Amino acid sequence: MLSLPFAGGLERPLRVLCLGAHADDIEIGCGGTVLGLAAAGAEFTWVVWSGTAARAAEARCGAAAFLGGGAKAEVIVKNFRDGFFPYDGVDIKRSFEELKRVVDPDVIFTHYRDDRHQDHRLISELTWNTFRDHRILEYEIPKWDGDLGAPNCFVALNREITRRKCEYLLSTFGSQRDKRWFTADTFHGLMRLRGVEAGAPEGFAEAFYAHKLVCAV
């Protein structure tokens, strides 16, 4: 297993862009990695593309919990309609172009391009369309569709971060607790499986899809 640092050679804080179609997507997909990067001093732009008033409030609470009080962050919550992103594609594309004019991230976390949820796929496609020359890592969301793949990039997590991720998810997103899959067992189990695949020292990891990485010798 080969390792590459997120911020090798940088003399400033790592700039991170997190993109999620819905409240809780970012936290489920890369919440453990976010906790680690926030503790290391990274700066964040955090964009959620949909939300009723209640879900928007959850999105902001989720960002606050995972970023903590010390991280420099801008949190943006859009109001595109959940489940209808392909039909609002022109307006969402315009929002991406506006975002590109004001952020230049070192790393972007976005949805997996083969995710079966149409909203997730559109956000992934527009991420690549808009930020073509950036480091993009696609995160995964467990769901009924059974669309988990074979990721090729892993971030090892310690037990404390794993515990906090599960705790924050369950305490923040009350609107999702009646869903059968939204449980600590689901999130903990996926991190444990990816930890096995990564050979993580404490047995837990989050996994990502890195379709294009260029390494300098």
Protein backbone atom coordinates (compact mmCIF):
# COMPACT_ATOMS: atom_id res chain seq x y z
CA MET A 1 0.00 0.00 0.00
CA LEU A 2 1.50 3.34 -1.10
CA SER A 3 0.83 6.59 0.73
CA LEU A 4 0.65 10.15 -0.61
CA PRO A 5 0.14 13.11 1.76
CA PHE A 6 -2.77 15.50 1.24
CA ALA A 7 -0.66 18.61 1.72
CA GLY A 8 2.94 17.70 0.97
CA GLY A 9 5.04 20.82 0.43
CA LEU A 10 2.30 23.35 1.16
CA GLU A 11 3.28 26.37 3.25
CA ARG A 12 -0.35 27.31 3.93
CA PRO A 13 -3.45 25.48 5.15
CA LEU A 14 -4.91 22.86 2.80
CA ARG A 15 -7.95 24.21 0.94
CA VAL A 16 -10.76 21.65 0.84
CA LEU A 17 -13.99 21.79 -1.16
CA CYS A 18 -16.75 19.42 0.01
CA LEU A 19 -19.75 18.91 -2.27
CA GLY A 20 -22.93 17.06 -1.38
CA ALA A 21 -26.29 16.78 -3.09
CA HIS A 22 -28.17 16.51 0.20
CA ALA A 23 -27.72 17.23 3.88
CA ASP A 24 -25.73 14.31 5.40
CA ASP A 25 -24.05 13.20 2.13
CA ILE A 26 -20.70 14.81 2.92
CA GLU A 27 -20.78 13.59 6.50
CA ILE A 28 -21.58 9.99 5.49
CA GLY A 29 -19.15 9.91 2.59
CA CYS A 30 -16.09 11.62 4.05
CA GLY A 31 -16.97 12.73 7.58
CA GLY A 32 -14.05 10.90 9.20
CA THR A 33 -11.58 12.39 6.74
CA VAL A 34 -13.07 15.84 7.34
CA LEU A 35 -12.65 15.45 11.10
CA GLY A 36 -8.98 14.64 10.60
CA LEU A 37 -8.32 17.44 8.13
CA ALA A 38 -10.17 20.02 10.26
CA ALA A 39 -8.04 19.06 13.27
CA ALA A 40 -4.93 19.50 11.10
CA GLY A 41 -5.91 23.08 10.23
CA ALA A 42 -7.44 22.72 6.76
CA GLU A 43 -9.76 25.42 5.41
CA PHE A 44 -13.12 24.39 3.96
CA THR A 45 -15.76 25.43 1.49
CA TRP A 46 -18.78 23.22 2.18
CA VAL A 47 -21.63 23.17 -0.33
CA VAL A 48 -24.93 21.29 -0.01
CA TRP A 49 -27.08 21.61 -3.09
CA SER A 50 -30.59 20.87 -1.77
CA GLY A 51 -32.61 21.44 1.34
CA THR A 52 -36.00 22.24 2.74
CA ALA A 53 -35.80 24.57 5.72
CA ALA A 54 -35.49 21.61 8.11
CA ARG A 55 -32.90 19.79 6.02
CA ALA A 56 -30.93 23.01 5.48
CA ALA A 57 -30.76 23.44 9.25
CA GLU A 58 -29.46 19.88 9.57
CA ALA A 59 -26.85 20.56 6.87
CA ARG A 60 -25.52 23.56 8.78
CA CYS A 61 -25.51 21.64 12.07
CA GLY A 62 -23.69 18.76 10.42
CA ALA A 63 -21.02 21.07 9.02
CA ALA A 64 -20.60 22.72 12.41
CA ALA A 65 -20.21 19.37 14.19
CA PHE A 66 -17.71 17.89 11.75
CA LEU A 67 -15.66 21.05 11.20
CA GLY A 68 -15.56 22.01 14.85
CA GLY A 69 -15.24 25.50 16.20
CA GLY A 70 -11.69 26.17 15.04
CA ALA A 71 -11.78 25.39 11.32
CA LYS A 72 -11.99 28.25 8.86
CA ALA A 73 -15.01 27.41 6.73
CA GLU A 74 -17.68 28.79 4.46
CA VAL A 75 -20.89 26.75 4.49
CA ILE A 76 -23.31 27.19 1.56
CA VAL A 77 -26.72 25.49 1.41
CA LYS A 78 -28.64 25.69 -1.88
CA ASN A 79 -32.36 24.95 -2.26
CA PHE A 80 -32.59 22.77 -5.37
CA ARG A 81 -35.33 20.16 -5.15
CA ASP A 82 -34.30 16.76 -3.79
CA GLY A 83 -34.66 14.06 -6.45
CA PHE A 84 -35.00 16.48 -9.38
CA PHE A 85 -31.41 17.53 -10.06
CA PRO A 86 -31.24 16.32 -13.69
CA TYR A 87 -34.25 18.50 -14.49
CA ASP A 88 -32.63 21.53 -12.81
CA GLY A 89 -29.28 20.81 -14.44
CA VAL A 90 -28.85 24.17 -16.18
CA ASP A 91 -29.26 26.14 -12.96
CA ILE A 92 -27.06 23.76 -11.00
CA LYS A 93 -24.39 24.06 -13.71
CA ARG A 94 -24.53 27.85 -13.36
CA SER A 95 -24.03 27.46 -9.60
CA PHE A 96 -20.93 25.37 -10.22
CA GLU A 97 -19.49 27.99 -12.55
CA GLU A 98 -20.12 30.67 -9.92
CA LEU A 99 -18.39 28.50 -7.33
CA LYS A 100 -15.33 28.01 -9.53
CA ARG A 101 -14.85 31.75 -9.75
CA VAL A 102 -14.43 32.10 -5.99
CA VAL A 103 -12.67 28.88 -4.85
CA ASP A 104 -9.44 27.17 -5.90
CA PRO A 105 -9.26 24.03 -3.76
CA ASP A 106 -6.32 21.67 -3.28
CA VAL A 107 -8.67 18.71 -2.96
CA ILE A 108 -12.37 18.20 -3.73
CA PHE A 109 -14.64 15.61 -2.15
CA THR A 110 -17.69 14.78 -4.25
CA HIS A 111 -20.05 11.92 -5.07
CA TYR A 112 -19.02 8.68 -6.77
CA ARG A 113 -19.67 8.97 -10.51
CA ASP A 114 -21.39 5.54 -10.63
CA ASP A 115 -23.72 6.26 -7.71
CA ARG A 116 -27.24 5.12 -8.62
CA HIS A 117 -28.93 8.20 -7.13
CA GLN A 118 -29.53 10.68 -9.94
CA ASP A 119 -28.79 13.73 -7.78
CA HIS A 120 -25.48 12.26 -6.65
CA ARG A 121 -24.43 11.42 -10.21
CA LEU A 122 -25.15 14.92 -11.48
CA ILE A 123 -23.07 16.54 -8.74
CA SER A 124 -20.19 14.18 -9.56
CA GLU A 125 -20.44 14.87 -13.29
CA LEU A 126 -20.51 18.63 -12.79
CA THR A 127 -17.58 18.44 -10.39
CA TRP A 128 -15.43 16.89 -13.11
CA ASN A 129 -16.87 19.18 -15.75
CA THR A 130 -16.12 22.31 -13.73
CA PHE A 131 -12.90 21.43 -11.85
CA ARG A 132 -11.12 19.41 -14.53
CA ASP A 133 -7.56 20.08 -13.35
CA HIS A 134 -8.08 19.58 -9.62
CA ARG A 135 -7.49 16.66 -7.28
CA ILE A 136 -10.94 15.05 -7.00
CA LEU A 137 -11.82 12.21 -4.64
CA GLU A 138 -15.26 10.62 -4.97
CA TYR A 139 -16.86 9.30 -1.80
CA GLU A 140 -19.41 6.51 -1.41
CA ILE A 141 -22.88 6.40 0.16
CA PRO A 142 -24.33 3.03 1.28
CA LYS A 143 -27.90 2.56 0.14
CA TRP A 144 -30.59 0.14 -1.02
CA ASP A 145 -29.37 0.26 -4.63
CA GLY A 146 -26.24 -1.73 -3.78
CA ASP A 147 -23.92 0.47 -5.85
CA LEU A 148 -20.74 0.23 -3.79
CA GLY A 149 -17.74 -0.42 -6.01
CA ALA A 150 -14.03 -1.15 -5.69
CA PRO A 151 -12.41 2.09 -4.48
CA ASN A 152 -8.71 2.72 -5.03
CA CYS A 153 -7.92 5.41 -2.45
CA PHE A 154 -8.21 5.06 1.33
CA VAL A 155 -7.90 7.33 4.36
CA ALA A 156 -7.16 5.44 7.56
CA LEU A 157 -9.20 6.48 10.59
CA ASN A 158 -8.54 5.93 14.27
CA ARG A 159 -11.18 4.55 16.60
CA GLU A 160 -11.99 7.92 18.15
CA ILE A 161 -12.72 9.56 14.79
CA THR A 162 -14.79 6.54 13.80
CA ARG A 163 -16.83 6.84 17.00
CA ARG A 164 -17.33 10.58 16.58
CA LYS A 165 -18.45 10.22 12.97
CA CYS A 166 -21.20 7.77 13.93
CA GLU A 167 -22.22 9.85 16.95
CA TYR A 168 -22.48 13.09 14.98
CA LEU A 169 -24.45 11.48 12.16
CA LEU A 170 -27.07 10.04 14.49
CA SER A 171 -27.36 13.13 16.69
CA THR A 172 -27.53 15.66 13.84
CA PHE A 173 -29.78 14.17 11.16
CA GLY A 174 -32.99 13.47 13.00
CA SER A 175 -35.03 13.48 9.81
CA GLN A 176 -33.20 10.34 8.64
CA ARG A 177 -33.43 8.19 11.77
CA ASP A 178 -36.55 6.34 10.57
CA LYS A 179 -34.66 4.98 7.57
CA ARG A 180 -33.62 1.37 8.12
CA TRP A 181 -30.11 1.89 6.79
CA PHE A 182 -29.35 5.06 8.77
CA THR A 183 -27.74 3.34 11.75
CA ALA A 184 -24.39 3.32 13.51
CA ASP A 185 -23.95 -0.32 12.42
CA THR A 186 -24.14 0.69 8.75
CA PHE A 187 -21.57 3.46 9.02
CA HIS A 188 -19.28 1.59 11.39
CA GLY A 189 -19.45 -1.58 9.30
CA LEU A 190 -18.49 0.15 6.06
CA MET A 191 -15.54 1.90 7.71
CA ARG A 192 -14.43 -1.43 9.17
CA LEU A 193 -14.62 -3.15 5.77
CA ARG A 194 -12.64 -0.37 4.09
CA GLY A 195 -10.17 -0.50 6.98
CA VAL A 196 -9.54 -4.17 6.25
CA GLU A 197 -8.98 -3.40 2.56
CA ALA A 198 -6.61 -0.56 3.41
CA GLY A 199 -4.66 -2.40 6.08
CA ALA A 200 -5.43 0.54 8.37
CA PRO A 201 -3.50 0.44 11.67
CA GLU A 202 -6.64 0.69 13.83
CA GLY A 203 -8.84 -1.23 11.40
CA PHE A 204 -11.01 1.61 10.02
CA ALA A 205 -10.93 3.74 6.89
CA GLU A 206 -12.98 5.75 4.44
CA ALA A 207 -12.66 4.89 0.76
CA PHE A 208 -12.62 7.05 -2.34
CA TYR A 209 -12.39 6.76 -6.10
CA ALA A 210 -9.44 8.62 -7.61
CA HIS A 211 -9.91 8.41 -11.36
CA LYS A 212 -6.91 10.56 -12.23
CA LEU A 213 -3.86 11.37 -10.11
CA VAL A 214 -0.57 12.76 -11.37
CA CYS A 215 2.50 12.13 -9.21
CA ALA A 216 5.63 14.26 -9.47
CA VAL A 217 8.95 12.43 -9.19
